PDB file of all heavy atoms in Angstrom:
ATOM      1  N   GLY A   1       0.806  -1.205   0.000  1.00  0.00           N
ATOM      2  CA  GLY A   1       0.000   0.000   0.000  1.00  0.00           C
ATOM      3  C   GLY A   1       0.839   1.254   0.000  1.00  0.00           C
ATOM      4  O   GLY A   1       2.020   1.239   0.361  1.00  0.00           O
ATOM      5  N   GLY A   2       0.218   2.342  -0.397  1.00  0.00           N
ATOM      6  CA  GLY A   2       0.892   3.643  -0.358  1.00  0.00           C
ATOM      7  C   GLY A   2       1.633   3.975  -1.630  1.00  0.00           C
ATOM      8  O   GLY A   2       1.983   3.092  -2.415  1.00  0.00           O
ATOM      9  N   THR A   3       1.875   5.282  -1.803  1.00  0.00           N
ATOM     10  CA  THR A   3       2.557   5.770  -2.998  1.00  0.00           C
ATOM     11  C   THR A   3       3.857   6.489  -2.655  1.00  0.00           C
ATOM     12  O   THR A   3       4.894   6.261  -3.265  1.00  0.00           O
ATOM     13  CB  THR A   3       1.638   6.736  -3.774  1.00  0.00           C
ATOM     14  OG1 THR A   3       0.404   6.085  -4.063  1.00  0.00           O
ATOM     15  CG2 THR A   3       2.291   7.195  -5.074  1.00  0.00           C
ATOM     16  N   ALA A   4       3.794   7.385  -1.678  1.00  0.00           N
ATOM     17  CA  ALA A   4       4.971   8.159  -1.284  1.00  0.00           C
ATOM     18  C   ALA A   4       4.782   8.625   0.157  1.00  0.00           C
ATOM     19  O   ALA A   4       3.675   8.610   0.693  1.00  0.00           O
ATOM     20  CB  ALA A   4       5.164   9.355  -2.207  1.00  0.00           C
ATOM     21  N   SER A   5       5.878   9.069   0.780  1.00  0.00           N
ATOM     22  CA  SER A   5       5.819   9.440   2.188  1.00  0.00           C
ATOM     23  C   SER A   5       5.016  10.709   2.439  1.00  0.00           C
ATOM     24  O   SER A   5       4.659  10.994   3.583  1.00  0.00           O
ATOM     25  CB  SER A   5       7.239   9.614   2.743  1.00  0.00           C
ATOM     26  OG  SER A   5       7.917  10.653   2.041  1.00  0.00           O
ATOM     27  N   ASN A   6       4.721  11.475   1.388  1.00  0.00           N
ATOM     28  CA  ASN A   6       3.955  12.715   1.580  1.00  0.00           C
ATOM     29  C   ASN A   6       2.547  12.636   0.978  1.00  0.00           C
ATOM     30  O   ASN A   6       1.930  13.656   0.695  1.00  0.00           O
ATOM     31  CB  ASN A   6       4.713  13.914   1.002  1.00  0.00           C
ATOM     32  CG  ASN A   6       5.016  13.748  -0.483  1.00  0.00           C
ATOM     33  OD1 ASN A   6       4.730  12.702  -1.065  1.00  0.00           O
ATOM     34  ND2 ASN A   6       5.610  14.781  -1.071  1.00  0.00           N
ATOM     35  N   ILE A   7       2.071  11.415   0.774  1.00  0.00           N
ATOM     36  CA  ILE A   7       0.721  11.214   0.232  1.00  0.00           C
ATOM     37  C   ILE A   7      -0.071  10.306   1.154  1.00  0.00           C
ATOM     38  O   ILE A   7       0.410   9.217   1.526  1.00  0.00           O
ATOM     39  CB  ILE A   7       0.769  10.586  -1.178  1.00  0.00           C
ATOM     40  CG1 ILE A   7       1.526  11.490  -2.154  1.00  0.00           C
ATOM     41  CG2 ILE A   7      -0.644  10.325  -1.702  1.00  0.00           C
ATOM     42  CD1 ILE A   7       1.706  10.870  -3.532  1.00  0.00           C
ATOM     43  N   VAL A   8      -1.252  10.732   1.557  1.00  0.00           N
ATOM     44  CA  VAL A   8      -2.155   9.841   2.279  1.00  0.00           C
ATOM     45  C   VAL A   8      -2.485   8.666   1.354  1.00  0.00           C
ATOM     46  O   VAL A   8      -2.937   8.880   0.221  1.00  0.00           O
ATOM     47  CB  VAL A   8      -3.456  10.572   2.692  1.00  0.00           C
ATOM     48  CG1 VAL A   8      -4.454   9.598   3.288  1.00  0.00           C
ATOM     49  CG2 VAL A   8      -3.148  11.687   3.688  1.00  0.00           C
ATOM     50  N   PRO A   9      -2.247   7.445   1.782  1.00  0.00           N
ATOM     51  CA  PRO A   9      -2.406   6.309   0.872  1.00  0.00           C
ATOM     52  C   PRO A   9      -3.858   6.053   0.492  1.00  0.00           C
ATOM     53  O   PRO A   9      -4.736   5.983   1.342  1.00  0.00           O
ATOM     54  CB  PRO A   9      -1.829   5.132   1.659  1.00  0.00           C
ATOM     55  CG  PRO A   9      -1.905   5.538   3.077  1.00  0.00           C
ATOM     56  CD  PRO A   9      -1.742   7.022   3.106  1.00  0.00           C
ATOM     57  N   ARG A  10      -4.063   5.911  -0.821  1.00  0.00           N
ATOM     58  CA  ARG A  10      -5.405   5.663  -1.340  1.00  0.00           C
ATOM     59  C   ARG A  10      -5.752   4.179  -1.297  1.00  0.00           C
ATOM     60  O   ARG A  10      -6.908   3.812  -1.106  1.00  0.00           O
ATOM     61  CB  ARG A  10      -5.513   6.160  -2.784  1.00  0.00           C
ATOM     62  CG  ARG A  10      -6.860   5.854  -3.446  1.00  0.00           C
ATOM     63  CD  ARG A  10      -6.910   6.360  -4.882  1.00  0.00           C
ATOM     64  NE  ARG A  10      -8.182   6.029  -5.511  1.00  0.00           N
ATOM     65  CZ  ARG A  10      -8.420   4.887  -6.147  1.00  0.00           C
ATOM     66  NH1 ARG A  10      -7.471   3.956  -6.236  1.00  0.00           N
ATOM     67  NH2 ARG A  10      -9.611   4.660  -6.692  1.00  0.00           N
ATOM     68  N   GLU A  11      -4.760   3.300  -1.478  1.00  0.00           N
ATOM     69  CA  GLU A  11      -5.068   1.873  -1.593  1.00  0.00           C
ATOM     70  C   GLU A  11      -4.095   1.033  -0.772  1.00  0.00           C
ATOM     71  O   GLU A  11      -2.917   1.365  -0.643  1.00  0.00           O
ATOM     72  CB  GLU A  11      -5.007   1.418  -3.057  1.00  0.00           C
ATOM     73  CG  GLU A  11      -5.399  -0.053  -3.260  1.00  0.00           C
ATOM     74  CD  GLU A  11      -5.384  -0.459  -4.728  1.00  0.00           C
ATOM     75  OE1 GLU A  11      -6.430  -0.268  -5.381  1.00  0.00           O
ATOM     76  OE2 GLU A  11      -4.339  -0.949  -5.202  1.00  0.00           O
ATOM     77  N   CYS A  12      -4.623  -0.033  -0.216  1.00  0.00           N
ATOM     78  CA  CYS A  12      -3.778  -1.011   0.475  1.00  0.00           C
ATOM     79  C   CYS A  12      -4.368  -2.396   0.236  1.00  0.00           C
ATOM     80  O   CYS A  12      -5.574  -2.599   0.400  1.00  0.00           O
ATOM     81  CB  CYS A  12      -3.705  -0.722   1.967  1.00  0.00           C
ATOM     82  SG  CYS A  12      -2.587  -1.832   2.870  1.00  0.00           S
ATOM     83  N   LYS A  13      -3.529  -3.314  -0.167  1.00  0.00           N
ATOM     84  CA  LYS A  13      -3.942  -4.704  -0.370  1.00  0.00           C
ATOM     85  C   LYS A  13      -3.339  -5.574   0.729  1.00  0.00           C
ATOM     86  O   LYS A  13      -2.139  -5.486   1.011  1.00  0.00           O
ATOM     87  CB  LYS A  13      -3.496  -5.225  -1.733  1.00  0.00           C
ATOM     88  CG  LYS A  13      -4.234  -4.595  -2.910  1.00  0.00           C
ATOM     89  CD  LYS A  13      -3.783  -5.209  -4.212  1.00  0.00           C
ATOM     90  CE  LYS A  13      -4.491  -4.586  -5.410  1.00  0.00           C
ATOM     91  NZ  LYS A  13      -5.917  -4.976  -5.460  1.00  0.00           N
ATOM     92  N   VAL A  14      -4.175  -6.394   1.321  1.00  0.00           N
ATOM     93  CA  VAL A  14      -3.741  -7.326   2.359  1.00  0.00           C
ATOM     94  C   VAL A  14      -4.036  -8.738   1.875  1.00  0.00           C
ATOM     95  O   VAL A  14      -5.196  -9.071   1.602  1.00  0.00           O
ATOM     96  CB  VAL A  14      -4.469  -7.071   3.701  1.00  0.00           C
ATOM     97  CG1 VAL A  14      -4.019  -8.081   4.752  1.00  0.00           C
ATOM     98  CG2 VAL A  14      -4.226  -5.646   4.167  1.00  0.00           C
ATOM     99  N   ARG A  15      -3.003  -9.517   1.747  1.00  0.00           N
ATOM    100  CA  ARG A  15      -3.181 -10.925   1.359  1.00  0.00           C
ATOM    101  C   ARG A  15      -3.107 -11.786   2.617  1.00  0.00           C
ATOM    102  O   ARG A  15      -2.176 -11.655   3.410  1.00  0.00           O
ATOM    103  CB  ARG A  15      -2.138 -11.354   0.329  1.00  0.00           C
ATOM    104  CG  ARG A  15      -2.274 -10.583  -0.978  1.00  0.00           C
ATOM    105  CD  ARG A  15      -1.303 -11.056  -2.047  1.00  0.00           C
ATOM    106  NE  ARG A  15      -1.421 -10.241  -3.244  1.00  0.00           N
ATOM    107  CZ  ARG A  15      -2.292 -10.458  -4.235  1.00  0.00           C
ATOM    108  NH1 ARG A  15      -3.107 -11.507  -4.156  1.00  0.00           N
ATOM    109  NH2 ARG A  15      -2.343  -9.663  -5.283  1.00  0.00           N
ATOM    110  N   TRP A  16      -4.073 -12.656   2.773  1.00  0.00           N
ATOM    111  CA  TRP A  16      -4.132 -13.486   3.972  1.00  0.00           C
ATOM    112  C   TRP A  16      -4.703 -14.844   3.603  1.00  0.00           C
ATOM    113  O   TRP A  16      -5.263 -15.033   2.522  1.00  0.00           O
ATOM    114  CB  TRP A  16      -4.954 -12.805   5.067  1.00  0.00           C
ATOM    115  CG  TRP A  16      -6.348 -12.358   4.688  1.00  0.00           C
ATOM    116  CD1 TRP A  16      -6.694 -11.283   3.911  1.00  0.00           C
ATOM    117  CD2 TRP A  16      -7.573 -12.959   5.109  1.00  0.00           C
ATOM    118  NE1 TRP A  16      -8.062 -11.170   3.814  1.00  0.00           N
ATOM    119  CE2 TRP A  16      -8.634 -12.179   4.537  1.00  0.00           C
ATOM    120  CE3 TRP A  16      -7.900 -14.043   5.922  1.00  0.00           C
ATOM    121  CZ2 TRP A  16      -9.979 -12.491   4.753  1.00  0.00           C
ATOM    122  CZ3 TRP A  16      -9.238 -14.343   6.135  1.00  0.00           C
ATOM    123  CH2 TRP A  16     -10.264 -13.580   5.549  1.00  0.00           C
ATOM    124  N   ASN A  17      -4.494 -15.797   4.482  1.00  0.00           N
ATOM    125  CA  ASN A  17      -5.003 -17.127   4.188  1.00  0.00           C
ATOM    126  C   ASN A  17      -5.531 -17.812   5.435  1.00  0.00           C
ATOM    127  O   ASN A  17      -5.214 -17.430   6.575  1.00  0.00           O
ATOM    128  CB  ASN A  17      -3.952 -17.990   3.478  1.00  0.00           C
ATOM    129  CG  ASN A  17      -2.721 -18.267   4.318  1.00  0.00           C
ATOM    130  OD1 ASN A  17      -2.815 -18.676   5.463  1.00  0.00           O
ATOM    131  ND2 ASN A  17      -1.543 -18.052   3.737  1.00  0.00           N
ATOM    132  N   VAL A  18      -6.331 -18.810   5.188  1.00  0.00           N
ATOM    133  CA  VAL A  18      -6.895 -19.656   6.243  1.00  0.00           C
ATOM    134  C   VAL A  18      -6.549 -21.093   5.908  1.00  0.00           C
ATOM    135  O   VAL A  18      -6.713 -21.533   4.763  1.00  0.00           O
ATOM    136  CB  VAL A  18      -8.429 -19.501   6.325  1.00  0.00           C
ATOM    137  CG1 VAL A  18      -9.003 -20.426   7.398  1.00  0.00           C
ATOM    138  CG2 VAL A  18      -8.818 -18.059   6.599  1.00  0.00           C
ATOM    139  N   ARG A  19      -6.053 -21.807   6.889  1.00  0.00           N
ATOM    140  CA  ARG A  19      -5.882 -23.262   6.756  1.00  0.00           C
ATOM    141  C   ARG A  19      -6.796 -23.901   7.792  1.00  0.00           C
ATOM    142  O   ARG A  19      -6.552 -23.804   9.002  1.00  0.00           O
ATOM    143  CB  ARG A  19      -4.423 -23.668   6.962  1.00  0.00           C
ATOM    144  CG  ARG A  19      -3.524 -23.200   5.822  1.00  0.00           C
ATOM    145  CD  ARG A  19      -2.085 -23.680   5.970  1.00  0.00           C
ATOM    146  NE  ARG A  19      -1.264 -23.212   4.865  1.00  0.00           N
ATOM    147  CZ  ARG A  19      -1.040 -23.880   3.737  1.00  0.00           C
ATOM    148  NH1 ARG A  19      -1.600 -25.071   3.575  1.00  0.00           N
ATOM    149  NH2 ARG A  19      -0.279 -23.388   2.784  1.00  0.00           N
ATOM    150  N   GLY A  20      -7.863 -24.509   7.301  1.00  0.00           N
ATOM    151  CA  GLY A  20      -8.904 -25.002   8.190  1.00  0.00           C
ATOM    152  C   GLY A  20      -8.867 -26.498   8.388  1.00  0.00           C
ATOM    153  O   GLY A  20      -8.639 -27.263   7.444  1.00  0.00           O
ATOM    154  N   LEU A  21      -9.093 -26.911   9.622  1.00  0.00           N
ATOM    155  CA  LEU A  21      -9.272 -28.330   9.892  1.00  0.00           C
ATOM    156  C   LEU A  21     -10.447 -28.858   9.070  1.00  0.00           C
ATOM    157  O   LEU A  21     -11.358 -28.096   8.724  1.00  0.00           O
ATOM    158  CB  LEU A  21      -9.560 -28.553  11.381  1.00  0.00           C
ATOM    159  CG  LEU A  21      -8.472 -28.135  12.367  1.00  0.00           C
ATOM    160  CD1 LEU A  21      -9.033 -28.130  13.793  1.00  0.00           C
ATOM    161  CD2 LEU A  21      -7.282 -29.079  12.279  1.00  0.00           C
ATOM    162  N   PRO A  22     -10.454 -30.142   8.714  1.00  0.00           N
ATOM    163  CA  PRO A  22     -11.630 -30.681   8.017  1.00  0.00           C
ATOM    164  C   PRO A  22     -12.909 -30.353   8.775  1.00  0.00           C
ATOM    165  O   PRO A  22     -12.997 -30.549   9.991  1.00  0.00           O
ATOM    166  CB  PRO A  22     -11.358 -32.191   8.008  1.00  0.00           C
ATOM    167  CG  PRO A  22      -9.867 -32.298   8.013  1.00  0.00           C
ATOM    168  CD  PRO A  22      -9.404 -31.165   8.895  1.00  0.00           C
ATOM    169  N   GLY A  23     -13.868 -29.791   8.054  1.00  0.00           N
ATOM    170  CA  GLY A  23     -15.131 -29.393   8.669  1.00  0.00           C
ATOM    171  C   GLY A  23     -15.180 -27.950   9.088  1.00  0.00           C
ATOM    172  O   GLY A  23     -16.255 -27.444   9.458  1.00  0.00           O
ATOM    173  N   PHE A  24     -14.052 -27.241   9.045  1.00  0.00           N
ATOM    174  CA  PHE A  24     -14.035 -25.832   9.443  1.00  0.00           C
ATOM    175  C   PHE A  24     -14.793 -24.985   8.427  1.00  0.00           C
ATOM    176  O   PHE A  24     -14.654 -25.178   7.210  1.00  0.00           O
ATOM    177  CB  PHE A  24     -12.595 -25.335   9.570  1.00  0.00           C
ATOM    178  CG  PHE A  24     -12.482 -23.896   9.990  1.00  0.00           C
ATOM    179  CD1 PHE A  24     -12.765 -23.524  11.293  1.00  0.00           C
ATOM    180  CD2 PHE A  24     -12.113 -22.919   9.078  1.00  0.00           C
ATOM    181  CE1 PHE A  24     -12.664 -22.193  11.685  1.00  0.00           C
ATOM    182  CE2 PHE A  24     -12.007 -21.592   9.462  1.00  0.00           C
ATOM    183  CZ  PHE A  24     -12.287 -21.230  10.767  1.00  0.00           C
ATOM    184  N   ASP A  25     -15.580 -24.025   8.911  1.00  0.00           N
ATOM    185  CA  ASP A  25     -16.416 -23.188   8.048  1.00  0.00           C
ATOM    186  C   ASP A  25     -15.690 -21.880   7.730  1.00  0.00           C
ATOM    187  O   ASP A  25     -15.836 -20.881   8.431  1.00  0.00           O
ATOM    188  CB  ASP A  25     -17.756 -22.917   8.733  1.00  0.00           C
ATOM    189  CG  ASP A  25     -18.767 -22.253   7.806  1.00  0.00           C
ATOM    190  OD1 ASP A  25     -18.365 -21.798   6.722  1.00  0.00           O
ATOM    191  OD2 ASP A  25     -19.956 -22.176   8.184  1.00  0.00           O
ATOM    192  N   GLU A  26     -14.908 -21.900   6.641  1.00  0.00           N
ATOM    193  CA  GLU A  26     -14.185 -20.686   6.252  1.00  0.00           C
ATOM    194  C   GLU A  26     -15.144 -19.578   5.832  1.00  0.00           C
ATOM    195  O   GLU A  26     -14.881 -18.397   6.051  1.00  0.00           O
ATOM    196  CB  GLU A  26     -13.222 -20.983   5.095  1.00  0.00           C
ATOM    197  CG  GLU A  26     -12.065 -21.896   5.453  1.00  0.00           C
ATOM    198  CD  GLU A  26     -12.365 -23.351   5.146  1.00  0.00           C
ATOM    199  OE1 GLU A  26     -13.537 -23.652   4.813  1.00  0.00           O
ATOM    200  OE2 GLU A  26     -11.445 -24.190   5.247  1.00  0.00           O
ATOM    201  N   ASP A  27     -16.258 -19.948   5.217  1.00  0.00           N
ATOM    202  CA  ASP A  27     -17.212 -18.937   4.756  1.00  0.00           C
ATOM    203  C   ASP A  27     -17.759 -18.118   5.922  1.00  0.00           C
ATOM    204  O   ASP A  27     -17.960 -16.902   5.803  1.00  0.00           O
ATOM    205  CB  ASP A  27     -18.368 -19.599   4.002  1.00  0.00           C
ATOM    206  CG  ASP A  27     -17.927 -20.195   2.675  1.00  0.00           C
ATOM    207  OD1 ASP A  27     -16.860 -19.789   2.172  1.00  0.00           O
ATOM    208  OD2 ASP A  27     -18.640 -21.058   2.147  1.00  0.00           O
ATOM    209  N   ALA A  28     -17.989 -18.780   7.052  1.00  0.00           N
ATOM    210  CA  ALA A  28     -18.496 -18.066   8.220  1.00  0.00           C
ATOM    211  C   ALA A  28     -17.458 -17.071   8.733  1.00  0.00           C
ATOM    212  O   ALA A  28     -17.796 -15.956   9.152  1.00  0.00           O
ATOM    213  CB  ALA A  28     -18.881 -19.051   9.320  1.00  0.00           C
ATOM    214  N   LEU A  29     -16.190 -17.468   8.702  1.00  0.00           N
ATOM    215  CA  LEU A  29     -15.140 -16.558   9.154  1.00  0.00           C
ATOM    216  C   LEU A  29     -15.051 -15.341   8.240  1.00  0.00           C
ATOM    217  O   LEU A  29     -14.941 -14.197   8.709  1.00  0.00           O
ATOM    218  CB  LEU A  29     -13.802 -17.291   9.197  1.00  0.00           C
ATOM    219  CG  LEU A  29     -12.604 -16.499   9.751  1.00  0.00           C
ATOM    220  CD1 LEU A  29     -11.681 -17.412  10.536  1.00  0.00           C
ATOM    221  CD2 LEU A  29     -11.821 -15.823   8.623  1.00  0.00           C
ATOM    222  N   VAL A  30     -15.126 -15.561   6.923  1.00  0.00           N
ATOM    223  CA  VAL A  30     -15.050 -14.441   5.989  1.00  0.00           C
ATOM    224  C   VAL A  30     -16.261 -13.524   6.155  1.00  0.00           C
ATOM    225  O   VAL A  30     -16.138 -12.294   6.103  1.00  0.00           O
ATOM    226  CB  VAL A  30     -14.931 -14.961   4.541  1.00  0.00           C
ATOM    227  CG1 VAL A  30     -14.993 -13.799   3.555  1.00  0.00           C
ATOM    228  CG2 VAL A  30     -13.617 -15.711   4.358  1.00  0.00           C
ATOM    229  N   ALA A  31     -17.432 -14.110   6.359  1.00  0.00           N
ATOM    230  CA  ALA A  31     -18.635 -13.290   6.563  1.00  0.00           C
ATOM    231  C   ALA A  31     -18.489 -12.425   7.807  1.00  0.00           C
ATOM    232  O   ALA A  31     -18.871 -11.236   7.806  1.00  0.00           O
ATOM    233  CB  ALA A  31     -19.860 -14.190   6.674  1.00  0.00           C
TER     234      ALA A  31
END
């Protein structure tokens, strides 16, 4: 995220992951 030190950042991308035990409801966590 961010463009320069003197600009309020317009965009930030966060990449994350879930590793769920069998039967874990990832959809509920995302919701």
